[in-house]
């Protein structure tokens, strides 16, 4: 089977590539930490940001978003999707502080998607 190359120029194209690679676990913020919805919770020291994708709408600033591609210490790979700038709406849930505490180990796209 020949793998179809999907350009990663939009949020939906990145999410589709993650789905194809079975890395489409969405980490969500909870009071217990980040969870991909499997009743497991991760703290910042148990995660690494392995790639960041930023998107800015050409005509609409509300289209500004970021995908953090995360790897947990148990090997699970997933993502966290966030709006940034004035449209970030986390309030007091601690998301911004949490994401800043996650160490960055930036990897090349080929390492992740090949």
PDB file of N, CA and C in Angstrom:
ATOM      1  N   UNK A   1       0.833  -1.181   0.000  1.00  0.00           N
ATOM      2  CA  UNK A   1       0.000   0.000   0.000  1.00  0.00           C
ATOM      3  C   UNK A   1       0.876   1.242   0.000  1.00  0.00           C
ATOM      4  N   UNK A   2       0.601   2.159  -0.876  1.00  0.00           N
ATOM      5  CA  UNK A   2       1.337   3.417  -0.949  1.00  0.00           C
ATOM      6  C   UNK A   2       0.647   4.418  -0.039  1.00  0.00           C
ATOM      7  N   UNK A   3       1.459   5.004   0.852  1.00  0.00           N
ATOM      8  CA  UNK A   3       0.892   5.980   1.782  1.00  0.00           C
ATOM      9  C   UNK A   3       0.614   7.278   1.044  1.00  0.00           C
ATOM     10  N   UNK A   4      -0.591   7.779   1.206  1.00  0.00           N
ATOM     11  CA  UNK A   4      -0.968   9.035   0.585  1.00  0.00           C
ATOM     12  C   UNK A   4      -0.359  10.185   1.378  1.00  0.00           C
ATOM     13  N   UNK A   5       0.319  11.077   0.693  1.00  0.00           N
ATOM     14  CA  UNK A   5       0.899  12.240   1.357  1.00  0.00           C
ATOM     15  C   UNK A   5      -0.166  13.322   1.498  1.00  0.00           C
ATOM     16  N   UNK A   6      -0.395  13.735   2.709  1.00  0.00           N
ATOM     17  CA  UNK A   6      -1.364  14.786   3.002  1.00  0.00           C
ATOM     18  C   UNK A   6      -0.582  16.003   3.467  1.00  0.00           C
ATOM     19  N   UNK A   7      -0.660  17.119   2.734  1.00  0.00           N
ATOM     20  CA  UNK A   7       0.068  18.299   3.190  1.00  0.00           C
ATOM     21  C   UNK A   7      -0.498  18.788   4.521  1.00  0.00           C
ATOM     22  N   UNK A   8       0.391  19.158   5.427  1.00  0.00           N
ATOM     23  CA  UNK A   8      -0.058  19.569   6.757  1.00  0.00           C
ATOM     24  C   UNK A   8      -0.099  21.091   6.851  1.00  0.00           C
ATOM     25  N   UNK A   9      -1.035  21.660   6.093  1.00  0.00           N
ATOM     26  CA  UNK A   9      -1.152  23.113   6.044  1.00  0.00           C
ATOM     27  C   UNK A   9      -2.403  23.622   6.760  1.00  0.00           C
ATOM     28  N   UNK A  10      -3.246  22.697   7.213  1.00  0.00           N
ATOM     29  CA  UNK A  10      -4.444  23.078   7.955  1.00  0.00           C
ATOM     30  C   UNK A  10      -4.571  22.196   9.194  1.00  0.00           C
ATOM     31  N   UNK A  11      -5.386  22.635  10.129  1.00  0.00           N
ATOM     32  CA  UNK A  11      -5.632  21.841  11.334  1.00  0.00           C
ATOM     33  C   UNK A  11      -6.193  20.481  10.937  1.00  0.00           C
ATOM     34  N   UNK A  12      -7.167  20.470  10.035  1.00  0.00           N
ATOM     35  CA  UNK A  12      -7.790  19.201   9.656  1.00  0.00           C
ATOM     36  C   UNK A  12      -6.804  18.266   8.961  1.00  0.00           C
ATOM     37  N   UNK A  13      -5.845  18.794   8.198  1.00  0.00           N
ATOM     38  CA  UNK A  13      -4.874  17.916   7.542  1.00  0.00           C
ATOM     39  C   UNK A  13      -3.925  17.284   8.561  1.00  0.00           C
ATOM     40  N   UNK A  14      -3.526  18.024   9.587  1.00  0.00           N
ATOM     41  CA  UNK A  14      -2.677  17.450  10.638  1.00  0.00           C
ATOM     42  C   UNK A  14      -3.457  16.392  11.410  1.00  0.00           C
ATOM     43  N   UNK A  15      -4.702  16.678  11.758  1.00  0.00           N
ATOM     44  CA  UNK A  15      -5.512  15.714  12.499  1.00  0.00           C
ATOM     45  C   UNK A  15      -5.743  14.453  11.670  1.00  0.00           C
ATOM     46  N   UNK A  16      -5.880  14.592  10.368  1.00  0.00           N
ATOM     47  CA  UNK A  16      -6.050  13.417   9.513  1.00  0.00           C
ATOM     48  C   UNK A  16      -4.775  12.577   9.482  1.00  0.00           C
ATOM     49  N   UNK A  17      -3.631  13.210   9.387  1.00  0.00           N
ATOM     50  CA  UNK A  17      -2.362  12.462   9.414  1.00  0.00           C
ATOM     51  C   UNK A  17      -2.202  11.734  10.748  1.00  0.00           C
ATOM     52  N   UNK A  18      -2.589  12.385  11.842  1.00  0.00           N
ATOM     53  CA  UNK A  18      -2.523  11.728  13.157  1.00  0.00           C
ATOM     54  C   UNK A  18      -3.469  10.533  13.219  1.00  0.00           C
ATOM     55  N   UNK A  19      -4.658  10.682  12.639  1.00  0.00           N
ATOM     56  CA  UNK A  19      -5.626   9.579  12.625  1.00  0.00           C
ATOM     57  C   UNK A  19      -5.063   8.386  11.855  1.00  0.00           C
ATOM     58  N   UNK A  20      -4.469   8.653  10.714  1.00  0.00           N
ATOM     59  CA  UNK A  20      -3.897   7.582   9.891  1.00  0.00           C
ATOM     60  C   UNK A  20      -2.809   6.834  10.657  1.00  0.00           C
ATOM     61  N   UNK A  21      -1.992   7.549  11.417  1.00  0.00           N
ATOM     62  CA  UNK A  21      -0.897   6.934  12.182  1.00  0.00           C
ATOM     63  C   UNK A  21      -1.368   6.407  13.545  1.00  0.00           C
ATOM     64  N   UNK A  22      -2.655   6.512  13.822  1.00  0.00           N
ATOM     65  CA  UNK A  22      -3.239   6.074  15.097  1.00  0.00           C
ATOM     66  C   UNK A  22      -2.667   6.856  16.289  1.00  0.00           C
ATOM     67  N   UNK A  23      -2.378   8.127  16.040  1.00  0.00           N
ATOM     68  CA  UNK A  23      -1.902   9.037  17.086  1.00  0.00           C
ATOM     69  C   UNK A  23      -2.957  10.110  17.371  1.00  0.00           C
ATOM     70  N   UNK A  24      -4.217   9.789  17.139  1.00  0.00           N
ATOM     71  CA  UNK A  24      -5.269  10.800  17.256  1.00  0.00           C
ATOM     72  C   UNK A  24      -5.929  10.812  18.632  1.00  0.00           C
ATOM     73  N   UNK A  25      -5.133  10.584  19.666  1.00  0.00           N
ATOM     74  CA  UNK A  25      -5.608  10.671  21.050  1.00  0.00           C
ATOM     75  C   UNK A  25      -5.602  12.137  21.465  1.00  0.00           C
ATOM     76  N   UNK A  26      -6.757  12.693  21.753  1.00  0.00           N
ATOM     77  CA  UNK A  26      -6.811  14.106  22.146  1.00  0.00           C
ATOM     78  C   UNK A  26      -6.661  14.229  23.662  1.00  0.00           C
ATOM     79  N   UNK A  27      -5.588  14.884  24.075  1.00  0.00           N
ATOM     80  CA  UNK A  27      -5.369  15.164  25.493  1.00  0.00           C
ATOM     81  C   UNK A  27      -6.209  16.375  25.882  1.00  0.00           C
ATOM     82  N   UNK A  28      -6.996  16.209  26.935  1.00  0.00           N
ATOM     83  CA  UNK A  28      -7.838  17.303  27.430  1.00  0.00           C
ATOM     84  C   UNK A  28      -7.452  17.625  28.867  1.00  0.00           C
ATOM     85  N   UNK A  29      -7.598  18.891  29.213  1.00  0.00           N
ATOM     86  CA  UNK A  29      -7.264  19.365  30.551  1.00  0.00           C
ATOM     87  C   UNK A  29      -8.380  18.998  31.518  1.00  0.00           C
ATOM     88  N   UNK A  30      -7.996  18.413  32.652  1.00  0.00           N
ATOM     89  CA  UNK A  30      -8.930  18.128  33.742  1.00  0.00           C
ATOM     90  C   UNK A  30      -8.246  18.558  35.039  1.00  0.00           C
ATOM     91  N   UNK A  31      -8.953  18.609  36.142  1.00  0.00           N
ATOM     92  CA  UNK A  31      -8.298  18.939  37.415  1.00  0.00           C
ATOM     93  C   UNK A  31      -7.201  17.943  37.791  1.00  0.00           C
ATOM     94  N   UNK A  32      -7.287  16.705  37.287  1.00  0.00           N
ATOM     95  CA  UNK A  32      -6.291  15.679  37.602  1.00  0.00           C
ATOM     96  C   UNK A  32      -5.077  15.714  36.676  1.00  0.00           C
ATOM     97  N   UNK A  33      -5.141  16.480  35.583  1.00  0.00           N
ATOM     98  CA  UNK A  33      -4.064  16.557  34.600  1.00  0.00           C
ATOM     99  C   UNK A  33      -4.601  16.361  33.202  1.00  0.00           C
ATOM    100  N   UNK A  34      -3.706  16.125  32.250  1.00  0.00           N
ATOM    101  CA  UNK A  34      -4.117  15.865  30.870  1.00  0.00           C
ATOM    102  C   UNK A  34      -4.587  14.420  30.765  1.00  0.00           C
ATOM    103  N   UNK A  35      -5.703  14.206  30.066  1.00  0.00           N
ATOM    104  CA  UNK A  35      -6.185  12.851  29.844  1.00  0.00           C
ATOM    105  C   UNK A  35      -6.586  12.679  28.390  1.00  0.00           C
ATOM    106  N   UNK A  36      -6.258  11.516  27.818  1.00  0.00           N
ATOM    107  CA  UNK A  36      -6.741  11.193  26.484  1.00  0.00           C
ATOM    108  C   UNK A  36      -8.099  10.495  26.536  1.00  0.00           C
ATOM    109  N   UNK A  37      -8.735  10.501  27.697  1.00  0.00           N
ATOM    110  CA  UNK A  37     -10.066   9.935  27.848  1.00  0.00           C
ATOM    111  C   UNK A  37     -10.089   8.461  28.174  1.00  0.00           C
ATOM    112  N   UNK A  38      -8.964   7.903  28.568  1.00  0.00           N
ATOM    113  CA  UNK A  38      -8.906   6.470  28.880  1.00  0.00           C
ATOM    114  C   UNK A  38      -8.784   6.223  30.384  1.00  0.00           C
ATOM    115  N   UNK A  39      -9.219   7.178  31.178  1.00  0.00           N
ATOM    116  CA  UNK A  39      -9.149   7.110  32.646  1.00  0.00           C
ATOM    117  C   UNK A  39      -7.717   7.153  33.157  1.00  0.00           C
ATOM    118  N   UNK A  40      -6.801   7.616  32.333  1.00  0.00           N
ATOM    119  CA  UNK A  40      -5.420   7.800  32.740  1.00  0.00           C
ATOM    120  C   UNK A  40      -5.126   9.290  32.669  1.00  0.00           C
ATOM    121  N   UNK A  41      -4.375   9.774  33.645  1.00  0.00           N
ATOM    122  CA  UNK A  41      -4.080  11.200  33.735  1.00  0.00           C
ATOM    123  C   UNK A  41      -2.574  11.392  33.777  1.00  0.00           C
ATOM    124  N   UNK A  42      -2.110  12.401  33.068  1.00  0.00           N
ATOM    125  CA  UNK A  42      -0.673  12.678  32.976  1.00  0.00           C
ATOM    126  C   UNK A  42      -0.366  14.057  33.540  1.00  0.00           C
ATOM    127  N   UNK A  43       0.758  14.147  34.225  1.00  0.00           N
ATOM    128  CA  UNK A  43       1.291  15.402  34.723  1.00  0.00           C
ATOM    129  C   UNK A  43       2.354  15.897  33.724  1.00  0.00           C
ATOM    130  N   UNK A  44       2.727  17.180  33.774  1.00  0.00           N
ATOM    131  CA  UNK A  44       3.679  17.711  32.788  1.00  0.00           C
ATOM    132  C   UNK A  44       4.974  16.910  32.686  1.00  0.00           C
ATOM    133  N   UNK A  45       5.483  16.419  33.801  1.00  0.00           N
ATOM    134  CA  UNK A  45       6.750  15.683  33.786  1.00  0.00           C
ATOM    135  C   UNK A  45       6.608  14.297  33.147  1.00  0.00           C
ATOM    136  N   UNK A  46       5.378  13.861  32.882  1.00  0.00           N
ATOM    137  CA  UNK A  46       5.139  12.572  32.237  1.00  0.00           C
ATOM    138  C   UNK A  46       4.907  12.713  30.732  1.00  0.00           C
ATOM    139  N   UNK A  47       5.022  13.943  30.235  1.00  0.00           N
ATOM    140  CA  UNK A  47       4.758  14.243  28.832  1.00  0.00           C
ATOM    141  C   UNK A  47       5.938  14.975  28.211  1.00  0.00           C
ATOM    142  N   UNK A  48       6.006  14.933  26.878  1.00  0.00           N
ATOM    143  CA  UNK A  48       6.946  15.734  26.102  1.00  0.00           C
ATOM    144  C   UNK A  48       6.189  16.309  24.919  1.00  0.00           C
ATOM    145  N   UNK A  49       6.465  17.566  24.603  1.00  0.00           N
ATOM    146  CA  UNK A  49       5.960  18.149  23.362  1.00  0.00           C
ATOM    147  C   UNK A  49       6.960  17.763  22.280  1.00  0.00           C
ATOM    148  N   UNK A  50       6.505  16.947  21.305  1.00  0.00           N
ATOM    149  CA  UNK A  50       7.435  16.468  20.289  1.00  0.00           C
ATOM    150  C   UNK A  50       7.296  17.217  18.962  1.00  0.00           C
ATOM    151  N   UNK A  51       6.244  18.000  18.813  1.00  0.00           N
ATOM    152  CA  UNK A  51       6.075  18.809  17.607  1.00  0.00           C
ATOM    153  C   UNK A  51       4.987  19.828  17.875  1.00  0.00           C
ATOM    154  N   UNK A  52       5.138  20.991  17.284  1.00  0.00           N
ATOM    155  CA  UNK A  52       4.147  22.052  17.414  1.00  0.00           C
ATOM    156  C   UNK A  52       3.763  22.523  16.015  1.00  0.00           C
ATOM    157  N   UNK A  53       2.478  22.651  15.779  1.00  0.00           N
ATOM    158  CA  UNK A  53       1.963  23.164  14.508  1.00  0.00           C
ATOM    159  C   UNK A  53       1.137  24.407  14.808  1.00  0.00           C
ATOM    160  N   UNK A  54       1.501  25.524  14.189  1.00  0.00           N
ATOM    161  CA  UNK A  54       0.757  26.774  14.381  1.00  0.00           C
ATOM    162  C   UNK A  54       0.031  27.135  13.093  1.00  0.00           C
ATOM    163  N   UNK A  55      -1.190  27.622  13.264  1.00  0.00           N
ATOM    164  CA  UNK A  55      -2.001  28.009  12.117  1.00  0.00           C
ATOM    165  C   UNK A  55      -2.575  29.396  12.379  1.00  0.00           C
ATOM    166  N   UNK A  56      -2.461  30.260  11.385  1.00  0.00           N
ATOM    167  CA  UNK A  56      -3.012  31.611  11.496  1.00  0.00           C
ATOM    168  C   UNK A  56      -3.932  31.844  10.310  1.00  0.00           C
ATOM    169  N   UNK A  57      -5.151  32.218  10.615  1.00  0.00           N
ATOM    170  CA  UNK A  57      -6.102  32.509   9.549  1.00  0.00           C
ATOM    171  C   UNK A  57      -5.666  33.732   8.775  1.00  0.00           C
ATOM    172  N   UNK A  58      -5.728  33.639   7.457  1.00  0.00           N
ATOM    173  CA  UNK A  58      -5.283  34.760   6.623  1.00  0.00           C
ATOM    174  C   UNK A  58      -6.209  35.955   6.738  1.00  0.00           C
ATOM    175  N   UNK A  59      -7.503  35.700   6.910  1.00  0.00           N
ATOM    176  CA  UNK A  59      -8.436  36.816   6.951  1.00  0.00           C
ATOM    177  C   UNK A  59      -9.171  36.944   8.284  1.00  0.00           C
ATOM    178  N   UNK A  60      -9.073  35.943   9.127  1.00  0.00           N
ATOM    179  CA  UNK A  60      -9.827  35.949  10.372  1.00  0.00           C
ATOM    180  C   UNK A  60      -8.918  35.565  11.535  1.00  0.00           C
ATOM    181  N   UNK A  61      -8.608  36.505  12.436  1.00  0.00           N
ATOM    182  CA  UNK A  61      -7.733  36.183  13.560  1.00  0.00           C
ATOM    183  C   UNK A  61      -8.285  35.102  14.480  1.00  0.00           C
ATOM    184  N   UNK A  62      -9.588  34.835  14.416  1.00  0.00           N
ATOM    185  CA  UNK A  62     -10.148  33.781  15.257  1.00  0.00           C
ATOM    186  C   UNK A  62      -9.724  32.394  14.771  1.00  0.00           C
ATOM    187  N   UNK A  63      -9.108  32.320  13.591  1.00  0.00           N
ATOM    188  CA  UNK A  63      -8.622  31.042  13.065  1.00  0.00           C
ATOM    189  C   UNK A  63      -7.246  30.682  13.608  1.00  0.00           C
ATOM    190  N   UNK A  64      -6.696  31.465  14.506  1.00  0.00           N
ATOM    191  CA  UNK A  64      -5.379  31.188  15.059  1.00  0.00           C
ATOM    192  C   UNK A  64      -5.467  30.031  16.042  1.00  0.00           C
ATOM    193  N   UNK A  65      -4.735  28.957  15.726  1.00  0.00           N
ATOM    194  CA  UNK A  65      -4.754  27.798  16.608  1.00  0.00           C
ATOM    195  C   UNK A  65      -3.398  27.120  16.595  1.00  0.00           C
ATOM    196  N   UNK A  66      -3.216  26.244  17.559  1.00  0.00           N
ATOM    197  CA  UNK A  66      -1.961  25.527  17.703  1.00  0.00           C
ATOM    198  C   UNK A  66      -2.276  24.082  18.087  1.00  0.00           C
ATOM    199  N   UNK A  67      -1.526  23.168  17.496  1.00  0.00           N
ATOM    200  CA  UNK A  67      -1.615  21.758  17.874  1.00  0.00           C
ATOM    201  C   UNK A  67      -0.294  21.396  18.534  1.00  0.00           C
ATOM    202  N   UNK A  68      -0.366  20.935  19.767  1.00  0.00           N
ATOM    203  CA  UNK A  68       0.800  20.398  20.455  1.00  0.00           C
ATOM    204  C   UNK A  68       0.749  18.888  20.284  1.00  0.00           C
ATOM    205  N   UNK A  69       1.743  18.314  19.648  1.00  0.00           N
ATOM    206  CA  UNK A  69       1.836  16.866  19.538  1.00  0.00           C
ATOM    207  C   UNK A  69       2.618  16.378  20.750  1.00  0.00           C
ATOM    208  N   UNK A  70       2.015  15.497  21.524  1.00  0.00           N
ATOM    209  CA  UNK A  70       2.557  15.068  22.814  1.00  0.00           C
ATOM    210  C   UNK A  70       2.874  13.587  22.821  1.00  0.00           C
ATOM    211  N   UNK A  71       3.940  13.234  23.540  1.00  0.00           N
ATOM    212  CA  UNK A  71       4.243  11.832  23.799  1.00  0.00           C
ATOM    213  C   UNK A  71       4.325  11.641  25.302  1.00  0.00           C
ATOM    214  N   UNK A  72       3.575  10.661  25.800  1.00  0.00           N
ATOM    215  CA  UNK A  72       3.585  10.347  27.230  1.00  0.00           C
ATOM    216  C   UNK A  72       4.738   9.395  27.539  1.00  0.00           C
ATOM    217  N   UNK A  73       5.091   9.314  28.808  1.00  0.00           N
ATOM    218  CA  UNK A  73       6.203   8.452  29.217  1.00  0.00           C
ATOM    219  C   UNK A  73       5.919   6.964  28.997  1.00  0.00           C
ATOM    220  N   UNK A  74       4.672   6.598  28.734  1.00  0.00           N
ATOM    221  CA  UNK A  74       4.340   5.201  28.426  1.00  0.00           C
ATOM    222  C   UNK A  74       4.256   4.945  26.924  1.00  0.00           C
ATOM    223  N   UNK A  75       4.659   5.953  26.105  1.00  0.00           N
ATOM    224  CA  UNK A  75       4.699   5.797  24.651  1.00  0.00           C
ATOM    225  C   UNK A  75       3.467   6.274  23.913  1.00  0.00           C
ATOM    226  N   UNK A  76       2.388   6.603  24.621  1.00  0.00           N
ATOM    227  CA  UNK A  76       1.178   7.084  23.968  1.00  0.00           C
ATOM    228  C   UNK A  76       1.450   8.426  23.303  1.00  0.00           C
ATOM    229  N   UNK A  77       1.057   8.559  22.048  1.00  0.00           N
ATOM    230  CA  UNK A  77       1.199   9.813  21.321  1.00  0.00           C
ATOM    231  C   UNK A  77      -0.184  10.357  21.032  1.00  0.00           C
ATOM    232  N   UNK A  78      -0.343  11.643  21.235  1.00  0.00           N
ATOM    233  CA  UNK A  78      -1.611  12.310  20.978  1.00  0.00           C
ATOM    234  C   UNK A  78      -1.374  13.796  20.802  1.00  0.00           C
ATOM    235  N   UNK A  79      -2.440  14.561  20.933  1.00  0.00           N
ATOM    236  CA  UNK A  79      -2.332  15.990  20.679  1.00  0.00           C
ATOM    237  C   UNK A  79      -3.232  16.782  21.618  1.00  0.00           C
ATOM    238  N   UNK A  80      -2.925  18.059  21.704  1.00  0.00           N
ATOM    239  CA  UNK A  80      -3.797  19.015  22.370  1.00  0.00           C
ATOM    240  C   UNK A  80      -3.977  20.178  21.407  1.00  0.00           C
ATOM    241  N   UNK A  81      -5.206  20.532  21.135  1.00  0.00           N
ATOM    242  CA  UNK A  81      -5.542  21.609  20.205  1.00  0.00           C
ATOM    243  C   UNK A  81      -5.974  22.821  21.002  1.00  0.00           C
ATOM    244  N   UNK A  82      -5.428  23.982  20.639  1.00  0.00           N
ATOM    245  CA  UNK A  82      -5.708  25.195  21.398  1.00  0.00           C
ATOM    246  C   UNK A  82      -5.827  26.382  20.457  1.00  0.00           C
ATOM    247  N   UNK A  83      -6.727  27.287  20.788  1.00  0.00           N
ATOM    248  CA  UNK A  83      -6.735  28.602  20.149  1.00  0.00           C
ATOM    249  C   UNK A  83      -5.712  29.436  20.891  1.00  0.00           C
ATOM    250  N   UNK A  84      -5.074  30.360  20.217  1.00  0.00           N
ATOM    251  CA  UNK A  84      -4.128  31.200  20.949  1.00  0.00           C
ATOM    252  C   UNK A  84      -4.385  32.663  20.654  1.00  0.00           C
ATOM    253  N   UNK A  85      -3.710  33.488  21.426  1.00  0.00           N
ATOM    254  CA  UNK A  85      -3.932  34.922  21.320  1.00  0.00           C
ATOM    255  C   UNK A  85      -5.177  35.311  22.087  1.00  0.00           C
ATOM    256  N   UNK A  86      -5.861  36.325  21.609  1.00  0.00           N
ATOM    257  CA  UNK A  86      -7.029  36.840  22.319  1.00  0.00           C
ATOM    258  C   UNK A  86      -8.188  35.853  22.340  1.00  0.00           C
ATOM    259  N   UNK A  87      -8.153  34.823  21.492  1.00  0.00           N
ATOM    260  CA  UNK A  87      -9.254  33.869  21.425  1.00  0.00           C
ATOM    261  C   UNK A  87      -9.051  32.638  22.295  1.00  0.00           C
ATOM    262  N   UNK A  88      -7.936  32.573  23.015  1.00  0.00           N
ATOM    263  CA  UNK A  88      -7.722  31.477  23.945  1.00  0.00           C
ATOM    264  C   UNK A  88      -8.712  31.642  25.096  1.00  0.00           C
ATOM    265  N   UNK A  89      -9.422  30.594  25.421  1.00  0.00           N
ATOM    266  CA  UNK A  89     -10.515  30.728  26.395  1.00  0.00           C
ATOM    267  C   UNK A  89     -10.385  29.782  27.582  1.00  0.00           C
ATOM    268  N   UNK A  90      -9.184  29.593  28.073  1.00  0.00           N
ATOM    269  CA  UNK A  90      -9.008  28.650  29.162  1.00  0.00           C
ATOM    270  C   UNK A  90      -9.420  29.190  30.517  1.00  0.00           C
ATOM    271  N   UNK A  91      -9.458  30.479  30.656  1.00  0.00           N
ATOM    272  CA  UNK A  91      -9.848  31.023  31.946  1.00  0.00           C
ATOM    273  C   UNK A  91      -8.917  30.541  33.036  1.00  0.00           C
ATOM    274  N   UNK A  92      -9.483  29.990  34.085  1.00  0.00           N
ATOM    275  CA  UNK A  92      -8.698  29.558  35.242  1.00  0.00           C
ATOM    276  C   UNK A  92      -8.514  28.048  35.319  1.00  0.00           C
ATOM    277  N   UNK A  93      -8.598  27.338  34.184  1.00  0.00           N
ATOM    278  CA  UNK A  93      -8.486  25.880  34.251  1.00  0.00           C
ATOM    279  C   UNK A  93      -7.042  25.388  34.383  1.00  0.00           C
ATOM    280  N   UNK A  94      -6.063  26.289  34.285  1.00  0.00           N
ATOM    281  CA  UNK A  94      -4.671  25.914  34.456  1.00  0.00           C
ATOM    282  C   UNK A  94      -3.984  25.395  33.207  1.00  0.00           C
ATOM    283  N   UNK A  95      -4.687  25.395  32.066  1.00  0.00           N
ATOM    284  CA  UNK A  95      -4.121  24.855  30.827  1.00  0.00           C
ATOM    285  C   UNK A  95      -2.812  25.544  30.451  1.00  0.00           C
ATOM    286  N   UNK A  96      -2.817  26.858  30.438  1.00  0.00           N
ATOM    287  CA  UNK A  96      -1.617  27.598  30.006  1.00  0.00           C
ATOM    288  C   UNK A  96      -0.411  27.272  30.885  1.00  0.00           C
ATOM    289  N   UNK A  97      -0.590  27.255  32.201  1.00  0.00           N
ATOM    290  CA  UNK A  97       0.516  26.911  33.102  1.00  0.00           C
ATOM    291  C   UNK A  97       0.953  25.469  32.900  1.00  0.00           C
ATOM    292  N   UNK A  98      -0.011  24.574  32.709  1.00  0.00           N
ATOM    293  CA  UNK A  98       0.277  23.154  32.526  1.00  0.00           C
ATOM    294  C   UNK A  98       1.127  22.936  31.267  1.00  0.00           C
ATOM    295  N   UNK A  99       0.689  23.513  30.148  1.00  0.00           N
ATOM    296  CA  UNK A  99       1.388  23.291  28.875  1.00  0.00           C
ATOM    297  C   UNK A  99       2.799  23.879  28.917  1.00  0.00           C
ATOM    298  N   UNK A 100       2.987  24.981  29.641  1.00  0.00           N
ATOM    299  CA  UNK A 100       4.326  25.592  29.762  1.00  0.00           C
ATOM    300  C   UNK A 100       5.292  24.705  30.545  1.00  0.00           C
ATOM    301  N   UNK A 101       4.785  23.854  31.407  1.00  0.00           N
ATOM    302  CA  UNK A 101       5.637  22.987  32.222  1.00  0.00           C
ATOM    303  C   UNK A 101       6.069  21.714  31.489  1.00  0.00           C
ATOM    304  N   UNK A 102       5.443  21.422  30.362  1.00  0.00           N
ATOM    305  CA  UNK A 102       5.791  20.203  29.618  1.00  0.00           C
ATOM    306  C   UNK A 102       7.100  20.442  28.872  1.00  0.00           C
ATOM    307  N   UNK A 103       8.102  19.576  29.072  1.00  0.00           N
ATOM    308  CA  UNK A 103       9.359  19.752  28.354  1.00  0.00           C
ATOM    309  C   UNK A 103       9.174  19.554  26.852  1.00  0.00           C
ATOM    310  N   UNK A 104      10.005  20.254  26.089  1.00  0.00           N
ATOM    311  CA  UNK A 104       9.954  20.177  24.630  1.00  0.00           C
ATOM    312  C   UNK A 104      11.106  19.317  24.135  1.00  0.00           C
ATOM    313  N   UNK A 105      10.779  18.361  23.283  1.00  0.00           N
ATOM    314  CA  UNK A 105      11.761  17.497  22.631  1.00  0.00           C
ATOM    315  C   UNK A 105      11.360  17.444  21.158  1.00  0.00           C
ATOM    316  N   UNK A 106      11.499  18.578  20.482  1.00  0.00           N
ATOM    317  CA  UNK A 106      11.019  18.747  19.103  1.00  0.00           C
ATOM    318  C   UNK A 106      11.629  17.704  18.177  1.00  0.00           C
ATOM    319  N   UNK A 107      10.761  17.042  17.411  1.00  0.00           N
ATOM    320  CA  UNK A 107      11.196  16.023  16.459  1.00  0.00           C
ATOM    321  C   UNK A 107      10.798  16.430  15.054  1.00  0.00           C
ATOM    322  N   UNK A 108      11.513  15.921  14.106  1.00  0.00           N
ATOM    323  CA  UNK A 108      11.216  16.146  12.701  1.00  0.00           C
ATOM    324  C   UNK A 108       9.926  15.408  12.343  1.00  0.00           C
ATOM    325  N   UNK A 109       9.157  15.969  11.432  1.00  0.00           N
ATOM    326  CA  UNK A 109       7.904  15.337  11.006  1.00  0.00           C
ATOM    327  C   UNK A 109       8.133  13.926  10.484  1.00  0.00           C
ATOM    328  N   UNK A 110       9.241  13.701   9.809  1.00  0.00           N
ATOM    329  CA  UNK A 110       9.524  12.376   9.263  1.00  0.00           C
ATOM    330  C   UNK A 110       9.655  11.329  10.384  1.00  0.00           C
ATOM    331  N   UNK A 111      10.221  11.719  11.509  1.00  0.00           N
ATOM    332  CA  UNK A 111      10.340  10.787  12.630  1.00  0.00           C
ATOM    333  C   UNK A 111       8.958  10.399  13.166  1.00  0.00           C
ATOM    334  N   UNK A 112       8.032  11.310  13.123  1.00  0.00           N
ATOM    335  CA  UNK A 112       6.714  11.088  13.696  1.00  0.00           C
ATOM    336  C   UNK A 112       5.765  10.405  12.717  1.00  0.00           C
ATOM    337  N   UNK A 113       5.795  10.833  11.461  1.00  0.00           N
ATOM    338  CA  UNK A 113       4.796  10.390  10.498  1.00  0.00           C
ATOM    339  C   UNK A 113       5.271   9.344   9.503  1.00  0.00           C
ATOM    340  N   UNK A 114       6.520   8.898   9.604  1.00  0.00           N
ATOM    341  CA  UNK A 114       6.958   7.878   8.629  1.00  0.00           C
ATOM    342  C   UNK A 114       6.771   6.475   9.172  1.00  0.00           C
TER     343      UNK A 114
END
